[in-house]
Amino acid sequence: MSQDELQQQMDDMRSFDEPMPQVGIFWYDPSDKAFFGVRKQELTPKQVEDAAEKGLPFINYPQLHRQVWAKEYFRTQATGEVSKFVGDYTQIPRGRVAWNINKFIVFVGQWAKPIESELSEMIEKEFALPYFEFVYDIHWDLGHGWSGDL
């Protein structure tokens, strides 16, 4: 990507009247057709510029699904709240929104293919994304994770 192209993207991001685009994680509840457990943070033009200068391929949300799930599970156990954070976090459809230098990408599993259109609208709204592409990977399929359970 040329410096001019990068500058154009930065100018485009600065011109949003809406919230800045965000990177983050989410779970999708098929019965509610809604996200839950969303964690996100704004992606600033400065972060993008810094990453490009350092040659970093990614800007990512800093927490893992596993970490968020465990924290929420134990919190709701202690408080007695009713929660969706029960069982194995990999058994619930989940995804991650990241910036890959010149585009937003959303990592999901095969569970997302049948609802890709609906999911696209939800992701655009939830994470204030102007554009993105899906990246399908086995890691995000139901029952899979980093724990070697492939």
Protein backbone atom coordinates (compact mmCIF):
# COMPACT_ATOMS: atom_id res chain seq x y z
CA MET A 1 0.00 0.00 0.00
CA SER A 2 1.42 3.37 -0.98
CA GLN A 3 1.75 6.28 1.41
CA ASP A 4 -0.89 8.18 -0.60
CA GLU A 5 -3.35 5.28 -0.33
CA LEU A 6 -2.72 5.02 3.40
CA GLN A 7 -3.23 8.77 3.80
CA GLN A 8 -6.52 8.55 1.85
CA GLN A 9 -7.75 5.79 4.18
CA MET A 10 -6.80 7.86 7.21
CA ASP A 11 -8.62 10.91 5.81
CA ASP A 12 -11.67 8.75 5.12
CA MET A 13 -11.64 7.44 8.69
CA ARG A 14 -11.30 10.95 10.14
CA SER A 15 -14.28 12.18 8.14
CA PHE A 16 -16.80 9.82 9.76
CA ASP A 17 -19.66 11.61 11.50
CA GLU A 18 -20.36 8.37 13.31
CA PRO A 19 -18.25 6.56 15.89
CA MET A 20 -14.83 5.46 14.74
CA PRO A 21 -14.60 1.86 13.54
CA GLN A 22 -13.86 -0.65 16.25
CA VAL A 23 -12.03 -3.94 16.63
CA GLY A 24 -13.27 -6.54 19.04
CA ILE A 25 -14.84 -9.90 19.77
CA PHE A 26 -18.39 -11.20 19.94
CA TRP A 27 -20.56 -14.24 20.40
CA TYR A 28 -23.73 -14.78 18.37
CA ASP A 29 -26.85 -16.29 19.96
CA PRO A 30 -28.75 -18.08 17.16
CA SER A 31 -31.96 -18.28 19.21
CA ASP A 32 -32.03 -14.50 19.78
CA LYS A 33 -30.32 -13.68 16.47
CA ALA A 34 -28.24 -11.21 18.46
CA PHE A 35 -24.72 -10.63 19.71
CA PHE A 36 -23.74 -10.96 23.34
CA GLY A 37 -20.48 -10.62 25.23
CA VAL A 38 -19.29 -7.97 22.79
CA ARG A 39 -15.97 -6.40 23.72
CA LYS A 40 -14.56 -3.70 21.49
CA GLN A 41 -12.33 -0.67 21.27
CA GLU A 42 -12.12 2.21 18.86
CA LEU A 43 -9.53 2.02 16.12
CA THR A 44 -7.94 5.43 15.72
CA PRO A 45 -6.12 6.74 12.65
CA LYS A 46 -3.04 7.15 14.87
CA GLN A 47 -3.07 3.43 15.70
CA VAL A 48 -3.33 2.57 12.01
CA GLU A 49 -0.52 4.96 11.09
CA ASP A 50 1.71 3.61 13.88
CA ALA A 51 1.06 0.01 12.84
CA ALA A 52 1.85 0.81 9.20
CA GLU A 53 5.10 2.54 10.16
CA LYS A 54 6.14 -0.48 12.25
CA GLY A 55 5.13 -2.93 9.51
CA LEU A 56 2.63 -4.68 11.77
CA PRO A 57 0.13 -6.84 9.88
CA PHE A 58 -2.67 -6.60 12.43
CA ILE A 59 -4.46 -4.41 14.91
CA ASN A 60 -6.45 -6.64 17.18
CA TYR A 61 -8.57 -6.46 20.32
CA PRO A 62 -6.27 -7.46 23.20
CA GLN A 63 -8.43 -10.09 24.94
CA LEU A 64 -9.20 -13.65 23.90
CA HIS A 65 -12.69 -15.15 23.92
CA ARG A 66 -11.47 -17.70 26.46
CA GLN A 67 -10.40 -14.94 28.87
CA VAL A 68 -13.64 -12.98 28.61
CA TRP A 69 -15.76 -16.13 28.92
CA ALA A 70 -13.94 -17.29 32.08
CA LYS A 71 -14.21 -13.88 33.73
CA GLU A 72 -17.93 -13.59 32.96
CA TYR A 73 -18.58 -17.18 34.01
CA PHE A 74 -16.99 -16.69 37.44
CA ARG A 75 -18.58 -13.27 37.90
CA THR A 76 -22.07 -14.61 37.28
CA GLN A 77 -21.39 -17.64 39.50
CA ALA A 78 -20.46 -15.28 42.33
CA THR A 79 -23.45 -12.97 41.82
CA GLY A 80 -26.04 -15.61 40.95
CA GLU A 81 -27.03 -13.76 37.80
CA VAL A 82 -28.58 -15.61 34.88
CA SER A 83 -26.02 -15.61 32.10
CA LYS A 84 -25.24 -16.94 28.65
CA PHE A 85 -21.66 -17.52 29.81
CA VAL A 86 -22.11 -21.19 30.74
CA GLY A 87 -20.50 -24.32 29.34
CA ASP A 88 -17.77 -24.31 26.72
CA TYR A 89 -17.13 -20.96 25.03
CA THR A 90 -16.26 -22.72 21.76
CA GLN A 91 -19.76 -24.23 21.50
CA ILE A 92 -21.32 -20.81 20.88
CA PRO A 93 -20.82 -19.07 17.51
CA ARG A 94 -18.16 -16.41 17.92
CA GLY A 95 -15.98 -14.07 15.91
CA ARG A 96 -13.28 -11.42 15.95
CA VAL A 97 -13.09 -8.08 14.15
CA ALA A 98 -9.55 -6.93 13.32
CA TRP A 99 -7.75 -4.42 11.10
CA ASN A 100 -5.35 -5.90 8.59
CA ILE A 101 -3.40 -2.80 7.43
CA ASN A 102 -5.67 -1.99 4.49
CA LYS A 103 -8.99 -3.53 5.48
CA PHE A 104 -11.20 -4.75 8.28
CA ILE A 105 -11.54 -8.50 8.55
CA VAL A 106 -13.99 -10.56 10.56
CA PHE A 107 -12.85 -14.03 11.58
CA VAL A 108 -15.73 -16.51 11.82
CA GLY A 109 -16.39 -20.21 11.37
CA GLN A 110 -18.59 -22.07 8.93
CA TRP A 111 -21.54 -21.37 11.23
CA ALA A 112 -21.69 -17.86 9.71
CA LYS A 113 -22.08 -18.81 6.05
CA PRO A 114 -25.87 -19.39 6.09
CA ILE A 115 -26.48 -16.05 7.82
CA GLU A 116 -23.69 -14.03 6.19
CA SER A 117 -25.97 -11.25 4.90
CA GLU A 118 -27.76 -10.76 8.23
CA LEU A 119 -24.48 -11.04 10.12
CA SER A 120 -22.83 -8.46 7.86
CA GLU A 121 -25.43 -5.85 8.75
CA MET A 122 -25.11 -6.60 12.46
CA ILE A 123 -21.31 -6.37 12.37
CA GLU A 124 -21.32 -3.12 10.38
CA LYS A 125 -23.64 -1.55 12.94
CA GLU A 126 -22.09 -2.98 16.12
CA PHE A 127 -18.49 -2.19 15.18
CA ALA A 128 -19.17 0.93 13.06
CA LEU A 129 -17.39 -0.60 10.08
CA PRO A 130 -17.48 1.09 6.69
CA TYR A 131 -16.41 -2.15 4.97
CA PHE A 132 -14.94 -5.55 5.82
CA GLU A 133 -14.49 -9.05 4.55
CA PHE A 134 -15.18 -12.36 6.24
CA VAL A 135 -12.28 -14.75 6.83
CA TYR A 136 -13.47 -18.30 7.48
CA ASP A 137 -11.15 -20.48 9.55
CA ILE A 138 -11.56 -23.77 11.40
CA HIS A 139 -10.46 -22.12 14.65
CA TRP A 140 -13.80 -20.26 14.71
CA ASP A 141 -15.93 -23.33 13.96
CA LEU A 142 -18.05 -24.69 16.79
CA GLY A 143 -16.01 -26.81 19.16
CA HIS A 144 -12.64 -25.47 18.03
CA GLY A 145 -10.20 -23.17 19.75
CA TRP A 146 -6.54 -22.76 20.63
CA SER A 147 -6.54 -25.66 23.07
CA GLY A 148 -5.59 -28.29 20.52
CA ASP A 149 -9.10 -29.73 20.28
CA LEU A 150 -9.08 -29.74 16.47
